[in-house]
Amino acid sequence: MKIRLPQLLHDRDRHGNPRVYFRRPGQPMIRLHSTPGSDAFLEEYRRARQGDAAPKVQRRKPATVGSIRALVEGYYESANFRMLAASTQRARRGILDDICLSKTKSSVERGAQPFDRLEARHVRQIRDEKLELPESANGRVKALRQVYDWAVENELVTANPARPVKLLKADGEGFHAWTVDEVAAYEATHPVGTKARLALALLLYTGVRRSDVVKLGRQMERDGVLHFAETKGANSRALSRKGSGQAKMRALPILPALREAIDAAPSGNLTYLVTQWQRPFTSNGFGNRFRKWCDAAGLKHCSAHGLRKAGASIAAENGATPHQLGAIFGWTTLRQAEGYTRRANQERMASEAMPLLIRRHREQNGR
């Protein structure tokens, strides 16, 4: 018989190892180190509940003056960092802390090294430690660029050593773009009238991100058009970003297929998509639920973001221009849109040109 112990929190560290914490609301978490279910674990749990076990606080030694760690901590206190969105701050802090804790080939912690002696070759070494994960490798370079841009601005260094370092070319094309057959398989599993089908229609026929789809609702409808403020970048106050802190407004016509899905499926008062408790989904909560809906249809390699890519590909293949794609998907630059139109044009031109190649081959061989 399994017994559930209250106030336990389970997660995994960055290496995939399981961790268990005792967590009382409003108090620090207490790590339980023994194997769950063992007598030692139950004793740890009892002590934590009775307040006999204090949370272990790891205190980091003060950063050495002039070290990379000291520079990074100064950057954390700067307006450049503090005016970023909270999610961006967490991601960047994680990357920079990981760099500071990493070690050189001579086993010296990088955070303890002088920041004014960091060179481009050192940044390349930091990048290449993540070669198997190109996006993570590029994230290291980008984070260091921001730190040293701030250092140059404040005359702490004369040049940014991360700027000359090239980013790696990512393997593949990121999230898998859904095919027509995969959309059909999902629709066969989740018919019109289900919450799962409504989620697919909202993602496919609006092209919005996961952070926006959970906020869409009937109160945004006006004359058959959805009017809403884009979530991404709305809370950012970054000094280097034009128009930062201002939400980008979007207006998207409601296509007939989407209208059918909206009218047929149960939805909440303020949002189309609601949980089983009739509350709006969080972005992460919706991602987890959509993952289960995809798995139920046998589409374990498909994702919500992949529908956004599929919509962009379909629109480009049907002749949408880069500016039209930008209007649909909210891209501020044409670079992303041009990638889709370039692929679509290449396929179309290759299809038209192949018969010319065949005729030329026949003429050359006297056929």
Protein backbone atom coordinates (compact mmCIF):
# COMPACT_ATOMS: atom_id res chain seq x y z
CA MET A 1 0.00 0.00 0.00
CA LYS A 2 1.35 3.44 -0.94
CA ILE A 3 1.06 6.24 1.61
CA ARG A 4 1.24 9.83 0.39
CA LEU A 5 3.11 12.11 2.77
CA PRO A 6 1.87 15.70 2.68
CA GLN A 7 4.02 18.73 1.95
CA LEU A 8 6.61 16.87 -0.12
CA LEU A 9 7.99 18.33 -3.33
CA HIS A 10 9.71 16.20 -5.97
CA ASP A 11 11.96 17.48 -8.75
CA ARG A 12 15.21 16.66 -10.58
CA ASP A 13 18.54 18.42 -10.75
CA ARG A 14 20.23 19.38 -14.02
CA HIS A 15 21.72 15.88 -14.28
CA GLY A 16 18.34 14.17 -13.97
CA ASN A 17 18.85 12.96 -10.39
CA PRO A 18 15.65 12.94 -8.26
CA ARG A 19 15.39 15.28 -5.26
CA VAL A 20 12.82 15.41 -2.47
CA TYR A 21 12.04 18.42 -0.27
CA PHE A 22 9.75 19.06 2.68
CA ARG A 23 7.94 22.31 2.07
CA ARG A 24 5.68 24.05 4.56
CA PRO A 25 3.82 27.06 3.07
CA GLY A 26 5.64 30.31 3.75
CA GLN A 27 8.83 28.61 4.97
CA PRO A 28 12.11 27.56 3.30
CA MET A 29 12.30 24.10 1.72
CA ILE A 30 14.20 21.35 3.56
CA ARG A 31 16.06 18.78 1.47
CA LEU A 32 15.48 15.12 2.45
CA HIS A 33 18.53 13.10 1.45
CA SER A 34 17.56 9.51 2.34
CA THR A 35 15.92 7.05 -0.07
CA PRO A 36 12.14 7.67 -0.19
CA GLY A 37 10.25 4.95 1.71
CA SER A 38 13.17 3.96 3.91
CA ASP A 39 13.16 4.25 7.70
CA ALA A 40 15.84 6.95 7.46
CA PHE A 41 13.67 8.93 5.06
CA LEU A 42 10.65 8.73 7.37
CA GLU A 43 12.82 9.90 10.27
CA GLU A 44 14.06 12.86 8.20
CA TYR A 45 10.48 13.66 7.26
CA ARG A 46 9.34 13.50 10.91
CA ARG A 47 12.12 15.85 12.01
CA ALA A 48 11.32 18.28 9.22
CA ARG A 49 7.63 18.39 10.21
CA GLN A 50 8.50 18.93 13.87
CA GLY A 51 10.95 21.69 13.03
CA ASP A 52 14.01 19.79 14.20
CA ALA A 53 15.66 19.92 10.77
CA ALA A 54 16.79 23.32 9.56
CA PRO A 55 17.08 24.10 5.85
CA LYS A 56 20.62 23.84 4.61
CA VAL A 57 21.72 27.19 3.26
CA GLN A 58 24.74 27.19 1.02
CA ARG A 59 26.63 30.41 1.48
CA ARG A 60 28.85 31.45 -1.38
CA LYS A 61 32.13 33.12 -0.53
CA PRO A 62 32.27 36.82 -1.44
CA ALA A 63 33.44 37.34 -4.99
CA THR A 64 37.07 38.38 -5.39
CA VAL A 65 37.45 41.98 -6.51
CA GLY A 66 38.22 42.09 -10.23
CA SER A 67 36.99 38.54 -10.86
CA ILE A 68 34.48 37.38 -13.46
CA ARG A 69 32.10 36.52 -10.62
CA ALA A 70 32.37 40.08 -9.28
CA LEU A 71 31.67 41.47 -12.76
CA VAL A 72 28.63 39.23 -13.15
CA GLU A 73 27.28 40.22 -9.74
CA GLY A 74 27.74 43.87 -10.65
CA TYR A 75 25.79 43.24 -13.85
CA TYR A 76 22.96 41.68 -11.79
CA GLU A 77 22.65 44.97 -9.91
CA SER A 78 22.66 47.08 -13.07
CA ALA A 79 19.69 48.64 -14.81
CA ASN A 80 20.58 46.60 -17.92
CA PHE A 81 19.74 43.40 -16.03
CA ARG A 82 17.05 44.57 -13.63
CA MET A 83 14.93 46.04 -16.42
CA LEU A 84 14.65 42.69 -18.19
CA ALA A 85 11.51 40.58 -17.83
CA ALA A 86 11.60 38.28 -14.78
CA SER A 87 11.71 35.14 -16.95
CA THR A 88 14.65 36.53 -18.93
CA GLN A 89 16.46 37.40 -15.71
CA ARG A 90 16.08 33.84 -14.40
CA ALA A 91 17.34 32.30 -17.64
CA ARG A 92 20.32 34.64 -17.94
CA ARG A 93 21.27 34.28 -14.28
CA GLY A 94 21.26 30.50 -14.66
CA ILE A 95 23.59 30.67 -17.66
CA LEU A 96 26.02 33.13 -16.08
CA ASP A 97 26.13 31.30 -12.74
CA ASP A 98 26.86 28.07 -14.61
CA ILE A 99 29.73 29.77 -16.48
CA CYS A 100 31.18 31.10 -13.22
CA LEU A 101 31.07 27.63 -11.62
CA SER A 102 32.57 25.90 -14.67
CA LYS A 103 36.28 25.14 -14.71
CA THR A 104 39.07 25.62 -17.18
CA LYS A 105 41.25 22.80 -18.49
CA SER A 106 43.59 23.46 -15.56
CA SER A 107 40.66 22.99 -13.10
CA VAL A 108 40.44 26.67 -12.15
CA GLU A 109 36.95 28.00 -11.47
CA ARG A 110 36.17 30.57 -14.14
CA GLY A 111 34.33 32.87 -11.78
CA ALA A 112 37.58 33.42 -9.83
CA GLN A 113 39.57 34.53 -12.89
CA PRO A 114 40.21 38.24 -13.69
CA PHE A 115 37.43 39.58 -15.89
CA ASP A 116 39.74 41.97 -17.78
CA ARG A 117 41.84 39.06 -19.04
CA LEU A 118 39.01 37.18 -20.71
CA GLU A 119 39.72 36.92 -24.44
CA ALA A 120 37.76 35.70 -27.46
CA ARG A 121 39.62 32.37 -27.37
CA HIS A 122 38.43 31.84 -23.80
CA VAL A 123 34.84 32.60 -24.80
CA ARG A 124 35.12 30.04 -27.61
CA GLN A 125 36.24 27.45 -25.06
CA ILE A 126 33.24 28.30 -22.86
CA ARG A 127 30.99 27.97 -25.91
CA ASP A 128 32.48 24.71 -27.12
CA GLU A 129 31.91 22.97 -23.80
CA LYS A 130 28.27 22.80 -24.91
CA LEU A 131 28.90 21.67 -28.49
CA GLU A 132 26.38 18.84 -28.18
CA LEU A 133 23.71 21.46 -27.33
CA PRO A 134 24.18 24.29 -29.86
CA GLU A 135 21.43 26.49 -28.43
CA SER A 136 22.91 26.22 -24.94
CA ALA A 137 26.36 26.97 -26.35
CA ASN A 138 25.03 30.06 -28.11
CA GLY A 139 23.22 31.09 -24.93
CA ARG A 140 26.57 31.27 -23.15
CA VAL A 141 28.03 33.55 -25.80
CA LYS A 142 24.96 35.81 -25.83
CA ALA A 143 24.94 36.13 -22.03
CA LEU A 144 28.63 37.07 -21.95
CA ARG A 145 28.06 39.62 -24.71
CA GLN A 146 25.46 41.35 -22.55
CA VAL A 147 27.70 41.36 -19.45
CA TYR A 148 30.67 42.79 -21.32
CA ASP A 149 28.53 45.30 -23.22
CA TRP A 150 27.57 46.65 -19.81
CA ALA A 151 31.23 46.55 -18.71
CA VAL A 152 32.32 48.52 -21.81
CA GLU A 153 29.54 51.04 -21.26
CA ASN A 154 30.78 51.58 -17.70
CA GLU A 155 34.45 51.73 -18.79
CA LEU A 156 35.41 48.61 -16.85
CA VAL A 157 36.95 47.10 -20.01
CA THR A 158 37.83 48.59 -23.38
CA ALA A 159 36.45 45.81 -25.62
CA ASN A 160 33.88 43.03 -25.51
CA PRO A 161 35.68 39.66 -25.93
CA ALA A 162 32.44 37.83 -26.72
CA ARG A 163 31.47 39.98 -29.70
CA PRO A 164 33.93 38.43 -32.22
CA VAL A 165 32.88 34.87 -31.25
CA LYS A 166 30.52 33.36 -33.81
CA LEU A 167 27.37 31.52 -32.81
CA LEU A 168 27.06 27.85 -33.68
CA LYS A 169 24.65 26.69 -36.32
CA ALA A 170 21.92 24.73 -34.58
CA ASP A 171 21.34 21.16 -35.67
CA GLY A 172 18.10 20.68 -37.58
CA GLU A 173 15.35 23.30 -37.55
CA GLY A 174 14.27 23.31 -33.92
CA PHE A 175 10.71 22.29 -33.13
CA HIS A 176 9.17 19.80 -35.53
CA ALA A 177 6.62 21.43 -37.86
CA TRP A 178 3.43 19.41 -38.05
CA THR A 179 2.48 17.73 -41.33
CA VAL A 180 -1.03 17.54 -42.78
CA ASP A 181 -1.20 13.86 -41.80
CA GLU A 182 -0.23 14.65 -38.21
CA VAL A 183 -2.94 17.30 -37.95
CA ALA A 184 -5.43 14.74 -39.32
CA ALA A 185 -4.31 12.15 -36.77
CA TYR A 186 -4.82 14.63 -33.94
CA GLU A 187 -8.25 15.62 -35.25
CA ALA A 188 -9.27 11.96 -35.54
CA THR A 189 -8.42 11.43 -31.86
CA HIS A 190 -9.93 14.71 -30.64
CA PRO A 191 -13.19 15.57 -32.48
CA VAL A 192 -14.86 18.98 -32.72
CA GLY A 193 -16.46 19.83 -29.39
CA THR A 194 -13.53 18.75 -27.22
CA LYS A 195 -11.17 21.07 -25.40
CA ALA A 196 -8.23 19.36 -27.14
CA ARG A 197 -9.64 20.15 -30.59
CA LEU A 198 -10.27 23.77 -29.60
CA ALA A 199 -6.63 24.07 -28.51
CA LEU A 200 -5.43 22.78 -31.89
CA ALA A 201 -7.69 25.18 -33.78
CA LEU A 202 -6.61 28.19 -31.74
CA LEU A 203 -2.93 27.42 -32.27
CA LEU A 204 -3.20 26.50 -35.96
CA TYR A 205 -5.61 29.19 -37.12
CA THR A 206 -4.16 32.13 -35.20
CA GLY A 207 -0.45 31.28 -35.18
CA VAL A 208 -0.10 32.64 -31.63
CA ARG A 209 2.45 31.51 -29.07
CA ARG A 210 1.60 29.33 -26.09
CA SER A 211 1.78 32.36 -23.81
CA ASP A 212 -0.96 34.07 -25.85
CA VAL A 213 -3.31 31.17 -26.59
CA VAL A 214 -4.14 30.76 -22.88
CA LYS A 215 -5.37 34.39 -22.74
CA LEU A 216 -7.60 34.43 -25.80
CA GLY A 217 -11.30 34.73 -25.03
CA ARG A 218 -14.69 35.95 -26.25
CA GLN A 219 -14.19 39.41 -24.73
CA MET A 220 -11.46 39.93 -27.37
CA GLU A 221 -13.87 39.37 -30.28
CA ARG A 222 -15.09 42.39 -32.24
CA ASP A 223 -16.85 42.00 -35.59
CA GLY A 224 -15.30 38.60 -36.26
CA VAL A 225 -11.79 39.71 -35.35
CA LEU A 226 -9.65 38.85 -32.31
CA HIS A 227 -7.99 41.91 -30.78
CA PHE A 228 -5.34 41.21 -28.13
CA ALA A 229 -1.99 42.34 -26.75
CA GLU A 230 0.95 40.04 -27.41
CA THR A 231 2.54 38.67 -24.24
CA LYS A 232 6.13 38.29 -25.42
CA GLY A 233 8.19 41.35 -24.61
CA ALA A 234 5.27 43.22 -23.02
CA ASN A 235 6.87 43.29 -19.57
CA SER A 236 10.41 43.89 -20.72
CA ARG A 237 11.97 47.26 -19.92
CA ALA A 238 15.32 46.46 -21.50
CA LEU A 239 17.29 49.60 -22.24
CA SER A 240 18.47 48.34 -25.60
CA ARG A 241 15.03 47.36 -26.89
CA LYS A 242 13.01 49.88 -28.93
CA GLY A 243 9.52 50.36 -27.64
CA SER A 244 10.27 48.07 -24.69
CA GLY A 245 7.60 47.70 -22.08
CA GLN A 246 4.81 48.34 -24.60
CA ALA A 247 2.60 45.43 -25.56
CA LYS A 248 2.26 44.81 -29.29
CA MET A 249 -1.38 44.83 -30.35
CA ARG A 250 -2.60 42.12 -32.73
CA ALA A 251 -5.80 41.81 -34.79
CA LEU A 252 -6.56 38.43 -36.38
CA PRO A 253 -9.73 37.49 -38.30
CA ILE A 254 -11.51 34.41 -36.93
CA LEU A 255 -11.47 31.80 -39.71
CA PRO A 256 -14.58 29.59 -40.20
CA ALA A 257 -12.80 26.45 -38.95
CA LEU A 258 -11.79 28.27 -35.77
CA ARG A 259 -15.31 29.70 -35.32
CA GLU A 260 -16.72 26.18 -35.48
CA ALA A 261 -14.27 24.89 -32.87
CA ILE A 262 -14.92 27.83 -30.52
CA ASP A 263 -18.71 27.51 -30.72
CA ALA A 264 -18.68 23.72 -30.25
CA ALA A 265 -16.27 23.41 -27.32
CA PRO A 266 -16.87 24.25 -23.65
CA SER A 267 -14.98 27.35 -22.57
CA GLY A 268 -14.70 29.72 -19.64
CA ASN A 269 -16.16 33.18 -19.26
CA LEU A 270 -12.91 35.04 -19.87
CA THR A 271 -10.79 32.54 -21.83
CA TYR A 272 -11.61 29.91 -24.42
CA LEU A 273 -9.33 27.36 -22.76
CA VAL A 274 -9.95 26.48 -19.11
CA THR A 275 -8.76 23.76 -16.74
CA GLN A 276 -11.02 21.13 -15.18
CA TRP A 277 -11.60 23.66 -12.37
CA GLN A 278 -12.85 26.22 -14.92
CA ARG A 279 -9.82 28.43 -14.48
CA PRO A 280 -7.56 29.79 -17.24
CA PHE A 281 -4.46 27.71 -17.98
CA THR A 282 -1.01 28.99 -17.19
CA SER A 283 1.39 28.86 -20.13
CA ASN A 284 3.33 25.92 -18.64
CA GLY A 285 0.15 24.17 -17.50
CA PHE A 286 -1.28 24.36 -21.01
CA GLY A 287 1.98 23.07 -22.48
CA ASN A 288 1.82 20.01 -20.21
CA ARG A 289 -1.85 19.38 -21.07
CA PHE A 290 -1.26 19.78 -24.81
CA ARG A 291 1.63 17.34 -24.51
CA LYS A 292 -0.82 14.72 -23.16
CA TRP A 293 -3.30 15.42 -25.95
CA CYS A 294 -0.54 14.91 -28.53
CA ASP A 295 0.63 11.71 -26.85
CA ALA A 296 -2.94 10.36 -26.90
CA ALA A 297 -2.92 10.82 -30.69
CA GLY A 298 0.45 9.06 -31.02
CA LEU A 299 2.26 12.32 -31.81
CA LYS A 300 5.01 12.26 -29.20
CA HIS A 301 7.34 14.32 -31.41
CA CYS A 302 4.82 17.13 -31.98
CA SER A 303 4.41 20.26 -29.85
CA ALA A 304 2.36 23.43 -29.59
CA HIS A 305 5.15 25.53 -31.11
CA GLY A 306 5.35 23.09 -34.03
CA LEU A 307 1.83 24.13 -35.04
CA ARG A 308 3.00 27.73 -35.27
CA LYS A 309 5.77 26.63 -37.64
CA ALA A 310 3.34 24.52 -39.66
CA GLY A 311 1.01 27.50 -40.09
CA ALA A 312 3.88 29.69 -41.28
CA SER A 313 4.96 27.04 -43.79
CA ILE A 314 1.42 26.58 -45.14
CA ALA A 315 0.91 30.34 -45.52
CA ALA A 316 4.28 30.73 -47.29
CA GLU A 317 3.52 27.84 -49.65
CA ASN A 318 0.20 29.49 -50.49
CA GLY A 319 2.06 32.66 -51.51
CA ALA A 320 2.15 34.80 -48.36
CA THR A 321 4.79 37.53 -48.47
CA PRO A 322 7.28 38.11 -45.63
CA HIS A 323 5.32 41.20 -44.53
CA GLN A 324 2.09 39.23 -44.47
CA LEU A 325 3.71 36.48 -42.39
CA GLY A 326 5.04 39.13 -40.00
CA ALA A 327 1.52 40.50 -39.55
CA ILE A 328 0.12 37.04 -38.80
CA PHE A 329 2.82 35.79 -36.45
CA GLY A 330 3.91 39.04 -34.83
CA TRP A 331 7.54 38.99 -35.98
CA THR A 332 9.25 42.35 -35.61
CA THR A 333 11.88 41.61 -38.26
CA LEU A 334 11.54 39.97 -41.67
CA ARG A 335 14.39 37.51 -41.10
CA GLN A 336 12.18 34.72 -39.74
CA ALA A 337 9.47 35.28 -42.34
CA GLU A 338 11.98 35.28 -45.20
CA GLY A 339 13.20 31.84 -44.11
CA TYR A 340 9.74 30.37 -44.72
CA THR A 341 9.16 32.19 -48.01
CA ARG A 342 12.64 31.27 -49.24
CA ARG A 343 12.00 27.56 -48.65
CA ALA A 344 8.57 27.78 -50.27
CA ASN A 345 9.95 29.63 -53.31
CA GLN A 346 12.82 27.16 -53.65
CA GLU A 347 10.44 24.21 -53.72
CA ARG A 348 8.15 25.94 -56.21
CA MET A 349 10.99 27.00 -58.52
CA ALA A 350 12.62 23.56 -58.34
CA SER A 351 9.30 21.95 -59.26
CA GLU A 352 8.96 24.25 -62.27
CA ALA A 353 12.59 23.85 -63.35
CA MET A 354 12.93 20.06 -63.16
CA PRO A 355 11.16 19.42 -66.49
CA LEU A 356 13.65 21.78 -68.18
CA LEU A 357 16.48 19.67 -66.84
CA ILE A 358 14.92 16.51 -68.25
CA ARG A 359 14.36 18.02 -71.73
CA ARG A 360 17.94 19.33 -71.86
CA HIS A 361 19.27 15.92 -70.90
CA ARG A 362 17.29 14.27 -73.68
CA GLU A 363 18.48 16.81 -76.28
CA GLN A 364 22.11 16.30 -75.33
CA ASN A 365 21.78 12.56 -75.77
CA GLY A 366 19.95 12.79 -79.07
CA ARG A 367 16.70 11.42 -77.69
